[in-house]
Protein backbone atom coordinates (compact mmCIF):
# COMPACT_ATOMS: atom_id res chain seq x y z
CA MET A 1 179.22 54.10 -167.20
CA ASN A 2 177.24 53.18 -170.40
CA ALA A 3 178.06 55.14 -173.71
CA ASP A 4 174.81 52.89 -175.31
CA LEU A 5 171.78 55.04 -175.17
CA ALA A 6 170.11 52.13 -177.61
CA PRO A 7 168.24 50.77 -174.11
CA LEU A 8 166.91 53.96 -173.09
CA ALA A 9 165.65 54.61 -176.67
CA ALA A 10 164.46 51.25 -176.51
CA ARG A 11 162.38 52.21 -173.11
CA LEU A 12 161.08 55.72 -174.66
CA ARG A 13 159.89 54.13 -177.71
CA ALA A 14 157.59 51.61 -176.10
CA LEU A 15 156.23 54.56 -173.77
CA PRO A 16 151.76 55.68 -174.87
CA PRO A 17 151.84 58.31 -176.92
CA SER A 18 151.78 61.48 -174.66
CA CYS A 19 150.58 64.50 -176.91
CA GLY A 20 148.54 62.95 -179.59
CA PRO A 21 150.48 60.31 -181.86
CA VAL A 22 153.56 62.13 -180.17
CA ARG A 23 155.57 61.03 -177.51
CA LEU A 24 157.10 63.99 -175.77
CA ILE A 25 159.94 63.34 -173.83
CA ALA A 26 161.52 66.55 -171.73
CA VAL A 27 165.48 66.59 -171.18
CA ASP A 28 165.54 69.11 -167.87
CA GLY A 29 168.56 70.21 -165.80
CA HIS A 30 170.38 73.48 -164.88
CA ALA A 31 171.77 75.33 -167.93
CA GLY A 32 175.37 74.09 -168.14
CA SER A 33 173.92 70.79 -167.50
CA GLY A 34 174.74 69.09 -171.11
CA LYS A 35 171.48 69.18 -172.18
CA SER A 36 171.86 70.06 -175.91
CA THR A 37 174.62 67.06 -176.25
CA PHE A 38 172.59 64.58 -174.26
CA ALA A 39 169.52 65.71 -176.77
CA GLY A 40 171.25 65.36 -179.76
CA GLN A 41 173.12 61.84 -179.29
CA LEU A 42 169.53 60.84 -177.67
CA ALA A 43 168.10 61.92 -180.30
CA ALA A 44 170.17 59.93 -182.80
CA ALA A 45 169.64 57.14 -180.91
CA LEU A 46 165.98 57.64 -181.18
CA GLY A 47 166.80 57.24 -185.43
CA ASP A 48 167.51 61.05 -185.75
CA ALA A 49 163.94 62.09 -183.67
CA PRO A 50 163.27 65.91 -183.96
CA VAL A 51 164.62 68.00 -181.17
CA VAL A 52 162.90 71.58 -179.67
CA HIS A 53 165.16 73.38 -178.08
CA THR A 54 163.38 75.84 -175.77
CA ASP A 55 166.52 78.83 -176.60
CA ASP A 56 164.08 78.96 -179.11
CA LEU A 57 161.14 80.01 -177.97
CA ALA A 58 162.73 82.57 -174.85
CA THR A 59 163.29 85.70 -175.01
CA HIS A 60 165.21 88.37 -173.11
CA GLU A 61 162.83 89.45 -171.50
CA GLU A 62 160.87 86.24 -171.02
CA LEU A 63 163.48 83.69 -169.69
CA PHE A 64 161.42 81.49 -168.46
CA ALA A 65 157.48 82.51 -169.62
CA TRP A 66 157.26 80.55 -172.85
CA SER A 67 154.73 77.69 -171.27
CA GLU A 68 152.30 79.68 -173.61
CA ARG A 69 154.53 80.05 -176.76
CA PHE A 70 155.01 76.26 -176.47
CA ARG A 71 151.43 75.51 -175.39
CA GLU A 72 149.72 77.31 -178.96
CA GLN A 73 152.54 77.15 -181.43
CA VAL A 74 153.79 73.08 -180.00
CA LEU A 75 151.53 71.07 -178.15
CA GLU A 76 148.02 72.03 -179.77
CA PRO A 77 149.29 70.89 -183.15
CA LEU A 78 151.09 67.83 -182.20
CA SER A 79 148.58 66.61 -179.88
CA GLN A 80 145.85 66.99 -182.79
CA GLY A 81 148.20 64.79 -184.85
CA GLY A 82 149.49 68.00 -186.56
CA THR A 83 152.45 69.58 -188.09
CA ALA A 84 153.84 72.29 -185.58
CA ARG A 85 155.31 75.39 -186.17
CA TYR A 86 156.82 77.73 -184.08
CA GLY A 87 158.70 80.72 -183.82
CA VAL A 88 163.00 80.49 -183.70
CA TYR A 89 164.02 83.63 -181.34
CA ASP A 90 167.31 84.95 -182.72
CA TRP A 91 169.48 86.26 -179.68
CA VAL A 92 171.58 88.65 -181.72
CA ARG A 93 169.01 90.57 -183.23
CA GLY A 94 167.00 90.53 -180.07
CA GLU A 95 163.52 89.59 -182.89
CA PHE A 96 161.59 85.99 -183.79
CA ALA A 97 163.79 85.58 -187.22
CA GLU A 98 162.06 82.61 -188.22
CA GLU A 99 159.76 79.65 -188.10
CA ARG A 100 160.58 76.09 -188.02
CA ALA A 101 158.02 73.23 -188.86
CA LEU A 102 157.81 70.30 -186.28
CA ALA A 103 155.81 67.38 -187.72
CA PRO A 104 154.48 64.81 -185.28
CA ALA A 105 157.11 62.21 -185.10
CA PRO A 106 157.00 58.78 -182.47
CA VAL A 107 159.24 60.67 -180.36
CA VAL A 108 159.79 64.08 -179.66
CA LEU A 109 162.66 65.83 -177.68
CA VAL A 110 161.90 68.84 -175.94
CA GLU A 111 165.42 70.10 -174.54
CA GLY A 112 166.24 73.08 -172.07
CA VAL A 113 165.93 74.83 -168.69
CA GLY A 114 162.24 74.13 -166.75
CA THR A 115 160.85 71.95 -169.19
CA GLY A 116 159.69 69.69 -166.59
CA ARG A 117 157.82 72.30 -165.87
CA ARG A 118 154.36 72.09 -164.02
CA ALA A 119 152.43 73.41 -167.41
CA LEU A 120 154.08 70.77 -169.26
CA ARG A 121 154.13 67.21 -167.15
CA PRO A 122 150.72 66.86 -168.38
CA HIS A 123 152.06 66.29 -172.12
CA LEU A 124 155.28 64.43 -170.71
CA ALA A 125 155.64 60.65 -171.43
CA CYS A 126 158.99 60.94 -169.73
CA LEU A 127 160.87 63.29 -167.83
CA LEU A 128 165.00 62.93 -167.99
CA TRP A 129 166.92 65.23 -165.11
CA MET A 130 170.63 66.03 -166.24
CA GLU A 131 172.09 65.39 -162.59
CA LEU A 132 174.68 67.80 -162.29
CA ALA A 133 174.50 70.59 -158.87
CA SER A 134 173.52 73.69 -160.58
CA GLU A 135 177.20 75.71 -159.42
CA HIS A 136 179.04 73.01 -161.68
CA SER A 137 176.44 73.36 -164.34
CA TRP A 138 176.24 77.23 -164.26
CA GLU A 139 180.45 77.18 -164.25
CA ARG A 140 180.29 75.05 -167.33
CA GLY A 141 177.95 77.20 -168.91
CA GLN A 142 180.08 80.70 -168.09
CA LEU A 143 183.37 78.48 -169.55
CA ARG A 144 181.28 77.63 -172.45
CA ASP A 145 179.97 81.00 -173.71
CA GLY A 146 183.62 83.19 -172.79
CA PRO A 147 183.55 86.25 -170.69
CA GLY A 148 180.93 88.15 -173.30
CA LEU A 149 178.54 87.07 -171.98
CA SER A 150 179.21 87.47 -167.87
CA ALA A 151 176.24 89.92 -167.93
CA PHE A 152 173.58 87.81 -169.30
CA TRP A 153 175.43 84.47 -166.74
CA SER A 154 174.31 87.39 -163.89
CA GLY A 155 170.65 87.71 -164.87
CA TRP A 156 170.08 84.11 -165.70
CA ILE A 157 171.60 82.22 -162.56
CA PRO A 158 168.45 84.64 -160.48
CA ALA A 159 166.09 83.60 -162.53
CA GLU A 160 166.98 80.24 -162.95
CA ARG A 161 166.98 79.92 -158.83
CA ALA A 162 163.67 81.72 -159.01
CA HIS A 163 161.96 79.23 -161.66
CA PHE A 164 162.50 76.71 -159.74
CA SER A 165 161.93 77.28 -156.77
CA ALA A 166 158.79 77.86 -157.71
CA ASP A 167 158.20 75.54 -160.57
CA PRO A 168 161.00 72.60 -159.36
CA SER A 169 161.32 69.60 -162.20
CA ARG A 170 163.38 67.60 -160.36
CA PRO A 171 161.16 66.22 -158.16
CA TYR A 172 158.95 64.72 -161.23
CA ALA A 173 162.46 62.95 -162.94
CA ASP A 174 161.31 59.41 -164.05
CA PHE A 175 165.16 59.19 -165.27
CA LEU A 176 167.77 61.04 -163.18
CA VAL A 177 170.98 61.31 -166.42
CA TYR A 178 175.03 61.41 -165.13
CA GLN A 179 177.33 62.61 -167.27
CA GLY A 180 180.84 60.46 -166.99
CA GLN A 181 183.76 59.98 -169.04
CA LEU A 182 182.43 57.52 -171.47
CA GLY A 183 179.47 58.08 -171.88
CA TYR A 184 176.11 58.23 -169.52
CA GLU A 185 174.76 56.35 -166.61
CA VAL A 186 170.50 56.79 -166.62
CA ARG A 187 169.34 55.71 -163.05
CA VAL A 188 165.77 55.86 -161.54
CA GLY A 189 164.46 59.11 -160.59
CA PRO A 190 162.85 60.79 -157.61
CA SER A 191 159.31 60.18 -159.49
CA ALA A 192 159.82 56.56 -160.14
CA ALA A 193 161.49 55.38 -156.30
CA PRO A 194 159.07 53.64 -154.38
């Protein structure tokens, strides 16, 4: 396994911009697959690149229906070289409680389940998929979240299945990311395979 993400970071920085001046990189995978942790480490390897978490854009009622909000609040401003401003959903209060500003940067990461969706793919410079089976991911996620969120997971799992059935991301991944004991291994994904 390759614990050093510098080669991947260099490769991503060398890509042409995909959203105005920004190289928008998606980190997708099943809930519990390690997207947030990986995105944080990749952001550090990219010199503290900003990360947009789709957990900030989704809501209890719209687990996957955040595409329009993302387009209006993030994609449109960045594509024009402007600062994006997007609402951050408070999962405890059940409302958008704050606004976050995101200035255009050479590389911006967007991480979350469904970030490789059809509506975002035309704006992505690269799609990374966390390669971990759904059942293992969901088990990890439920262990992480504890028994207090078991009702949430009861609704989440069928919603995630339905989302990926209608709008799969993995077949379009440029790279598959495997997590091991010593770090990450990045392999060519299905979209780049001959």
